[in-house]
Structure formats: structure tokens, C-alpha cells
Amino acid sequence: MADAPSFPHQHLLGIQGLSPLEISALLDLAEEEIAVSRQIEKKKQTLRGRTQINLFFEASTRTQSSFELAGKRLGADVMNMAVAVSSVKKGETLIDTAMTLNAMRPDILVVRHHSAGAVELLAQKVECSVINAGDGAHEHPTQALLDALTIRRHKGRLQGLKVAICGDIRHSRVARSNIILLQAMGAQIRLIAPSTLLPTAIDRFGVDIFNDMRQGLVGVDVVMMLRLQRERMSAAYVPSIREYFRYYGLDVEKLALAAPDALVMHPGPMNRGVEIDPLVADGPQSVIREQVEMGVAVRMAVLEALAQHLPNR
């Protein structure tokens, strides 16, 4: 494929290990995919005759639907595997599932799993290309790529930008992937959260840490809010939702401390009134809806880049 970037990897299991050049190549290709998605005729033939299986062990709306749309726009035959009613619920192991899927001879497997490292394990057991659509609190590479694309389109660069990632960082694979990607591209990262919602050994990431949201937001170019992931919490990490919003919810008053043209982002789904005020979520600085559009373009770009490595059998 002449228009595909030079992407030497068979899988996309995380941002960790990608070079700035490879990240830029995926973002550049995603720019081209935006134009395709905005045409009346949205079909390409890159994956014509190929089979893409979306295997989601966790519920998802945005990620699964955007991968489905991306695959179909590239001409693939796309199957969504309903894990909730599959043999996994009957006691089949992850390895058994991998071997079963491998026998179906798919070309691309898109996997979301609740355990960190599960997607990498699957990739070792199948012959097709594997894309990590989120594994536990480990990584969510395509979310970081679409966030970077959204920022770059508005700011023209990633180098030198001050990006504040705020909220439940402890349980967030989105935060981890964004930290790795944005640092690789030269951005300065600030993490804003109560100490209970910061992961252990966070000082190894080389980021600035703030427990006071008002201090942390001063002068930043991008404010990236994270959902309070109560379903992953085994203990009381915050005293109450009301107290959490008071100190760590993004409202108009706190946003005013950031740069005047600061972008407001959220990976979704949003808890309005918990981590973000509706006035901010729907305000003029919000690019949250644009992130959804960028998600389809980025996933098309990743699928197209990996298509270089699919065998012609």
C-alpha cells in the first residue's frame, strides 16, 4: 500500500515501544482518514476480503462501535463477538478462546479485556494482527492516539504543550497511554488527583504531580478529565461524590485558571456533575465530541497500518 505509513509492527499492544516517528506516521495517516469519513462515499478497499473480529470482554460503546465502523469503511468483514453469551462464560480459558479464534483464520483481532496483559497473551497465541482496545488499568493505545490527534489539529503541535490529566489516574489505562505518548512527543504532563487516586511509583513517570487542582491548572494548554471509575474501586478512594466534585470537578471557575484557549477533553463516558460540569462539557473550549470523530479516523489508520503485515494467503 503506497499510502500507508512505515509501521514495522504486526500488532498494536500499547504506546510503550512506539517511536515518535511511528506515532507521527499514524497521526498523519489518520488525518487522511478524516477526509474519507467526511465524504459521501466513505468506503476504501484496503481490507477487502479480510476478517476483523472485535472481542470485547468488557462492555463498550464508543470503542467497539468506532472499531466496527473503521473496519467496515476499509472494506473488512467485521464480526462483533458477544463474550457475555460465549463459551468464556461457560468456563473456557483465554488460551482456549485464542485457539478457537485462530482456527477461524481472522486477519485482525481487536481485544478489550479487564486484565492487564491479557491482550499481549492473546497476541502470542494467534497468527493474526492484534489491537489492544484496552486491557485493565494498563494501556488504551488508540484512545491516546485520538487524543493526540485532536490536540494536534487544534494546537498545531504537541511539542512543548502543558497538558493536565485530572481525576482517577490510579485506575486509568487512558492516563497511562497518554502519559507515554505525550511525553514521547515532547509535551509537559501534569497529573492532578487526590493522593488516593494516584498509582504507586508515579514518580517514575517523570511528571509534575498536584493534589490541588487550582494550582495544577494554572496556565495549561489542555485539560484532560478522567472518569471516576467506581466499578474498579475495591475501597473508598474519595469521601463522597459531592466532595470530589468540589475539589476535583472541572467547572467554569477552575477552567479560568488554565490558558484562555485551553482545550477541554474527556475520553468518555462522562459523569456530569462528578468530574465535569455540564457547562464546561458543552462549552466553547470542549472538544469532547470531536474526540469521537477522531476515534474512527485513528482506528482506520491503525487498521490500515497493520494491513501491511497481513499475509496474502
Protein backbone atom coordinates (compact mmCIF):
# COMPACT_ATOMS: atom_id res chain seq x y z
CA MET A 1 0.00 0.00 0.00
CA ALA A 2 1.68 3.15 -1.18
CA ASP A 3 -0.30 5.46 1.09
CA ALA A 4 0.29 3.55 4.33
CA PRO A 5 2.91 4.73 6.84
CA SER A 6 6.08 2.81 7.51
CA PHE A 7 4.86 0.90 10.55
CA PRO A 8 7.04 -2.11 11.35
CA HIS A 9 4.79 -3.76 13.96
CA GLN A 10 2.41 -6.67 13.42
CA HIS A 11 0.34 -5.69 16.49
CA LEU A 12 -0.61 -2.56 18.40
CA LEU A 13 -0.50 -3.66 22.03
CA GLY A 14 0.40 -0.31 23.57
CA ILE A 15 2.04 3.06 23.04
CA GLN A 16 5.05 1.83 25.00
CA GLY A 17 7.69 0.89 22.45
CA LEU A 18 6.48 3.14 19.63
CA SER A 19 8.92 5.79 18.41
CA PRO A 20 7.88 9.44 17.88
CA LEU A 21 8.28 8.81 14.13
CA GLU A 22 5.87 5.86 14.23
CA ILE A 23 3.36 7.83 16.31
CA SER A 24 3.54 10.75 13.86
CA ALA A 25 3.06 8.38 10.93
CA LEU A 26 -0.16 7.02 12.45
CA LEU A 27 -1.42 10.54 13.18
CA ASP A 28 -0.62 11.67 9.63
CA LEU A 29 -2.49 8.72 8.17
CA ALA A 30 -5.42 9.43 10.49
CA GLU A 31 -5.58 12.96 9.04
CA GLU A 32 -6.19 11.37 5.63
CA GLU A 33 -8.87 9.10 7.10
CA ILE A 34 -10.78 12.13 8.43
CA ALA A 35 -11.26 13.29 4.85
CA VAL A 36 -12.51 9.83 3.87
CA SER A 37 -15.02 9.78 6.73
CA ARG A 38 -16.38 13.19 5.71
CA GLN A 39 -17.06 12.11 2.12
CA ILE A 40 -20.43 10.85 0.94
CA GLU A 41 -18.69 7.68 -0.30
CA LYS A 42 -16.81 6.51 2.78
CA LYS A 43 -15.57 3.14 1.54
CA LYS A 44 -11.98 2.10 0.88
CA GLN A 45 -10.80 -1.33 -0.26
CA THR A 46 -7.71 -1.74 1.94
CA LEU A 47 -9.20 -4.62 3.94
CA ARG A 48 -11.45 -6.05 1.26
CA GLY A 49 -11.74 -9.80 1.78
CA ARG A 50 -10.20 -9.57 5.26
CA THR A 51 -11.93 -10.58 8.50
CA GLN A 52 -11.89 -8.42 11.62
CA ILE A 53 -13.18 -9.83 14.92
CA ASN A 54 -13.97 -7.44 17.78
CA LEU A 55 -13.58 -9.43 21.00
CA PHE A 56 -14.75 -7.36 23.96
CA PHE A 57 -14.68 -8.92 27.43
CA GLU A 58 -15.82 -5.57 28.88
CA ALA A 59 -18.81 -3.52 27.80
CA SER A 60 -18.01 -0.67 25.43
CA THR A 61 -19.98 1.66 23.23
CA ARG A 62 -17.58 4.19 21.73
CA THR A 63 -14.55 1.99 21.24
CA GLN A 64 -16.33 -1.07 19.87
CA SER A 65 -18.63 0.88 17.56
CA SER A 66 -15.77 3.01 16.21
CA PHE A 67 -13.62 -0.07 15.51
CA GLU A 68 -16.60 -1.65 13.75
CA LEU A 69 -17.17 1.45 11.66
CA ALA A 70 -13.45 1.79 10.91
CA GLY A 71 -13.20 -1.80 9.71
CA LYS A 72 -16.27 -1.52 7.51
CA ARG A 73 -15.07 1.74 5.96
CA LEU A 74 -11.88 -0.07 4.97
CA GLY A 75 -13.89 -2.90 3.40
CA ALA A 76 -13.38 -5.60 6.05
CA ASP A 77 -15.90 -8.23 7.09
CA VAL A 78 -16.43 -7.31 10.74
CA MET A 79 -17.77 -9.62 13.45
CA ASN A 80 -18.55 -8.49 16.99
CA MET A 81 -18.13 -11.39 19.39
CA ALA A 82 -20.56 -11.23 22.31
CA VAL A 83 -18.41 -12.54 25.15
CA ALA A 84 -21.27 -12.29 27.65
CA VAL A 85 -23.04 -15.17 25.90
CA SER A 86 -19.96 -17.01 24.67
CA SER A 87 -18.10 -20.09 25.86
CA VAL A 88 -15.95 -17.86 28.08
CA LYS A 89 -18.92 -17.63 30.42
CA LYS A 90 -19.07 -21.42 30.43
CA GLY A 91 -15.52 -21.75 31.75
CA GLU A 92 -13.41 -21.60 28.60
CA THR A 93 -9.95 -20.17 29.29
CA LEU A 94 -8.41 -17.24 27.45
CA ILE A 95 -6.00 -19.61 25.72
CA ASP A 96 -8.87 -21.83 24.59
CA THR A 97 -10.61 -18.77 23.19
CA ALA A 98 -7.43 -17.76 21.36
CA MET A 99 -7.05 -21.19 19.79
CA THR A 100 -10.73 -21.25 18.75
CA LEU A 101 -10.49 -17.84 17.14
CA ASN A 102 -7.22 -18.72 15.45
CA ALA A 103 -8.92 -21.70 13.81
CA MET A 104 -11.41 -19.26 12.23
CA ARG A 105 -8.44 -17.62 10.45
CA PRO A 106 -9.23 -13.97 11.19
CA ASP A 107 -6.88 -11.29 9.88
CA ILE A 108 -7.27 -8.75 12.67
CA LEU A 109 -8.39 -9.25 16.26
CA VAL A 110 -9.46 -6.21 18.32
CA VAL A 111 -9.49 -7.10 22.02
CA ARG A 112 -10.66 -5.39 25.20
CA HIS A 113 -10.08 -7.28 28.44
CA HIS A 114 -10.41 -6.50 32.14
CA SER A 115 -6.97 -7.94 32.98
CA ALA A 116 -3.71 -6.16 32.21
CA GLY A 117 -1.54 -8.24 29.90
CA ALA A 118 -4.37 -10.42 28.57
CA VAL A 119 -4.23 -8.87 25.10
CA GLU A 120 -0.49 -9.45 24.83
CA LEU A 121 -1.02 -13.08 25.86
CA LEU A 122 -3.63 -13.50 23.12
CA ALA A 123 -1.26 -11.96 20.58
CA GLN A 124 1.31 -14.67 21.39
CA LYS A 125 -1.23 -17.43 20.67
CA VAL A 126 -2.79 -16.28 17.38
CA GLU A 127 -1.37 -15.77 13.91
CA CYS A 128 -3.30 -12.60 13.04
CA SER A 129 -2.65 -8.98 13.95
CA VAL A 130 -3.95 -7.94 17.38
CA ILE A 131 -5.02 -4.49 18.53
CA ASN A 132 -5.34 -3.62 22.21
CA ALA A 133 -8.67 -1.84 22.77
CA GLY A 134 -7.95 -1.53 26.49
CA ASP A 135 -6.54 -4.04 28.98
CA GLY A 136 -7.27 -3.49 32.65
CA ALA A 137 -5.53 -0.41 34.02
CA HIS A 138 -2.58 -1.00 31.66
CA GLU A 139 -2.99 0.71 28.26
CA HIS A 140 -5.52 2.01 25.75
CA PRO A 141 -3.31 2.98 22.79
CA THR A 142 -5.94 4.10 20.26
CA GLN A 143 -7.51 6.44 22.83
CA ALA A 144 -4.15 8.14 23.36
CA LEU A 145 -3.66 8.42 19.59
CA LEU A 146 -7.07 10.02 19.05
CA ASP A 147 -6.45 12.41 21.93
CA ALA A 148 -3.10 13.39 20.41
CA LEU A 149 -4.71 13.87 17.00
CA THR A 150 -7.41 16.11 18.47
CA ILE A 151 -4.82 18.23 20.27
CA ARG A 152 -2.53 18.48 17.25
CA ARG A 153 -5.37 19.61 14.99
CA HIS A 154 -6.22 22.48 17.35
CA LYS A 155 -2.75 23.47 18.56
CA GLY A 156 -0.69 22.55 15.50
CA ARG A 157 1.82 20.66 17.63
CA LEU A 158 2.33 18.50 20.70
CA GLN A 159 5.89 19.60 21.48
CA GLY A 160 6.07 21.96 24.45
CA LEU A 161 2.37 21.91 25.35
CA LYS A 162 1.35 21.78 29.01
CA VAL A 163 -1.23 19.01 29.44
CA ALA A 164 -3.07 18.42 32.72
CA ILE A 165 -4.54 14.94 33.24
CA CYS A 166 -7.02 15.12 36.08
CA GLY A 167 -9.01 12.67 38.17
CA ASP A 168 -8.91 8.92 38.67
CA ILE A 169 -5.40 8.28 37.38
CA ARG A 170 -4.92 5.21 39.56
CA HIS A 171 -7.43 3.10 37.60
CA SER A 172 -6.97 4.72 34.18
CA ARG A 173 -5.39 2.98 31.19
CA VAL A 174 -6.18 6.15 29.22
CA ALA A 175 -3.94 8.19 31.52
CA ARG A 176 -1.05 5.75 31.22
CA SER A 177 -1.15 5.64 27.42
CA ASN A 178 -1.47 9.42 27.19
CA ILE A 179 1.47 9.99 29.53
CA ILE A 180 3.68 7.70 27.43
CA LEU A 181 2.59 9.19 24.09
CA LEU A 182 2.57 12.87 25.02
CA GLN A 183 5.94 12.66 26.75
CA ALA A 184 7.40 10.90 23.70
CA MET A 185 6.14 13.80 21.57
CA GLY A 186 7.62 16.45 23.85
CA ALA A 187 4.63 17.61 25.88
CA GLN A 188 4.86 18.51 29.58
CA ILE A 189 2.50 16.44 31.73
CA ARG A 190 0.82 17.44 34.98
CA LEU A 191 -1.19 14.89 36.95
CA ILE A 192 -3.90 16.30 39.19
CA ALA A 193 -5.61 14.00 41.68
CA PRO A 194 -6.05 13.25 45.37
CA SER A 195 -3.22 11.07 46.64
CA THR A 196 -5.63 8.11 46.93
CA LEU A 197 -6.24 8.22 43.16
CA LEU A 198 -2.58 8.29 42.13
CA PRO A 199 -0.89 4.98 41.26
CA THR A 200 2.05 3.72 43.26
CA ALA A 201 5.52 4.67 42.00
CA ILE A 202 4.02 7.53 39.99
CA ASP A 203 7.24 9.50 40.47
CA ARG A 204 8.91 7.16 37.95
CA PHE A 205 6.84 8.68 35.14
CA GLY A 206 8.71 12.00 35.26
CA VAL A 207 5.56 14.11 35.53
CA ASP A 208 4.57 17.02 37.75
CA ILE A 209 2.07 15.98 40.43
CA PHE A 210 -0.53 18.24 42.01
CA ASN A 211 -3.03 17.42 44.73
CA ASP A 212 -4.53 20.92 44.45
CA MET A 213 -6.46 21.22 41.19
CA ARG A 214 -6.41 25.02 41.16
CA GLN A 215 -2.62 25.09 41.36
CA GLY A 216 -2.23 22.37 38.76
CA LEU A 217 -4.43 24.05 36.15
CA VAL A 218 -2.59 27.37 36.08
CA GLY A 219 -1.51 28.13 32.50
CA VAL A 220 -2.10 24.67 30.98
CA ASP A 221 -2.94 24.28 27.29
CA VAL A 222 -5.03 21.12 27.60
CA VAL A 223 -7.24 19.86 30.43
CA MET A 224 -7.93 16.14 30.11
CA MET A 225 -10.56 14.93 32.58
CA LEU A 226 -10.90 11.28 33.57
CA ARG A 227 -13.97 9.36 34.67
CA LEU A 228 -14.18 8.31 38.31
CA GLN A 229 -14.07 4.52 37.76
CA ARG A 230 -16.10 3.36 40.73
CA GLU A 231 -16.57 -0.11 39.19
CA ARG A 232 -12.80 -0.73 39.57
CA MET A 233 -12.62 0.52 43.15
CA SER A 234 -12.36 -2.02 45.95
CA ALA A 235 -12.13 0.65 48.65
CA ALA A 236 -13.38 4.16 49.41
CA TYR A 237 -10.92 6.33 47.49
CA VAL A 238 -12.96 9.54 47.85
CA PRO A 239 -15.10 10.68 50.82
CA SER A 240 -18.16 11.49 48.69
CA ILE A 241 -19.14 12.45 45.16
CA ARG A 242 -20.08 15.93 46.32
CA GLU A 243 -16.70 16.48 47.95
CA TYR A 244 -14.91 15.06 44.91
CA PHE A 245 -16.63 17.48 42.53
CA ARG A 246 -15.94 20.39 44.85
CA TYR A 247 -12.20 19.81 44.82
CA TYR A 248 -11.55 17.91 41.57
CA GLY A 249 -14.52 18.55 39.30
CA LEU A 250 -13.83 20.84 36.34
CA ASP A 251 -16.14 23.83 36.49
CA VAL A 252 -16.03 27.28 34.89
CA GLU A 253 -14.15 28.80 37.83
CA LYS A 254 -11.34 26.24 37.80
CA LEU A 255 -11.08 26.23 33.99
CA ALA A 256 -10.47 30.00 34.07
CA LEU A 257 -7.07 29.29 35.66
CA ALA A 258 -5.88 27.48 32.52
CA ALA A 259 -4.72 29.24 29.36
CA PRO A 260 -7.54 31.24 27.71
CA ASP A 261 -7.55 28.91 24.70
CA ALA A 262 -7.13 25.70 26.71
CA LEU A 263 -8.86 22.62 25.31
CA VAL A 264 -11.20 20.53 27.47
CA MET A 265 -11.10 16.78 26.80
CA HIS A 266 -12.72 13.65 28.20
CA PRO A 267 -12.39 10.05 26.93
CA GLY A 268 -16.00 9.27 27.87
CA PRO A 269 -18.37 8.22 29.11
CA MET A 270 -18.74 11.35 31.21
CA ASN A 271 -20.15 11.55 34.72
CA ARG A 272 -21.64 15.03 34.52
CA GLY A 273 -21.56 16.74 37.88
CA VAL A 274 -18.93 14.30 39.17
CA GLU A 275 -15.72 15.08 37.27
CA ILE A 276 -17.02 17.76 34.91
CA ASP A 277 -19.68 20.47 34.97
CA PRO A 278 -22.17 20.30 32.08
CA LEU A 279 -21.46 23.97 31.32
CA VAL A 280 -17.81 23.06 30.68
CA ALA A 281 -18.53 19.77 28.91
CA ASP A 282 -20.77 21.57 26.41
CA GLY A 283 -18.84 24.84 26.42
CA PRO A 284 -16.81 26.55 23.68
CA GLN A 285 -13.47 25.08 24.84
CA SER A 286 -14.72 21.50 24.81
CA VAL A 287 -13.52 19.16 22.04
CA ILE A 288 -15.16 16.07 23.55
CA ARG A 289 -17.46 15.42 20.59
CA GLU A 290 -14.58 15.89 18.17
CA GLN A 291 -12.66 13.21 20.04
CA VAL A 292 -15.35 10.73 18.99
CA GLU A 293 -14.90 11.60 15.31
CA MET A 294 -11.12 11.36 15.66
CA GLY A 295 -11.58 7.91 17.18
CA VAL A 296 -12.92 6.47 13.94
CA ALA A 297 -10.13 8.09 11.90
CA VAL A 298 -7.37 6.85 14.22
CA ARG A 299 -8.75 3.32 14.25
CA MET A 300 -8.94 3.33 10.47
CA ALA A 301 -5.30 4.46 10.40
CA VAL A 302 -4.19 1.70 12.78
CA LEU A 303 -6.07 -0.97 10.81
CA GLU A 304 -4.58 0.30 7.56
CA ALA A 305 -1.06 0.41 9.00
CA LEU A 306 -1.32 -3.16 10.30
CA ALA A 307 -2.73 -4.31 6.96
CA GLN A 308 0.81 -4.03 5.56
CA HIS A 309 1.75 -7.11 7.57
CA LEU A 310 -1.23 -9.32 6.72
CA PRO A 311 -0.19 -12.39 4.70
CA ASN A 312 -1.56 -12.78 1.20
CA ARG A 313 -3.00 -16.24 1.60
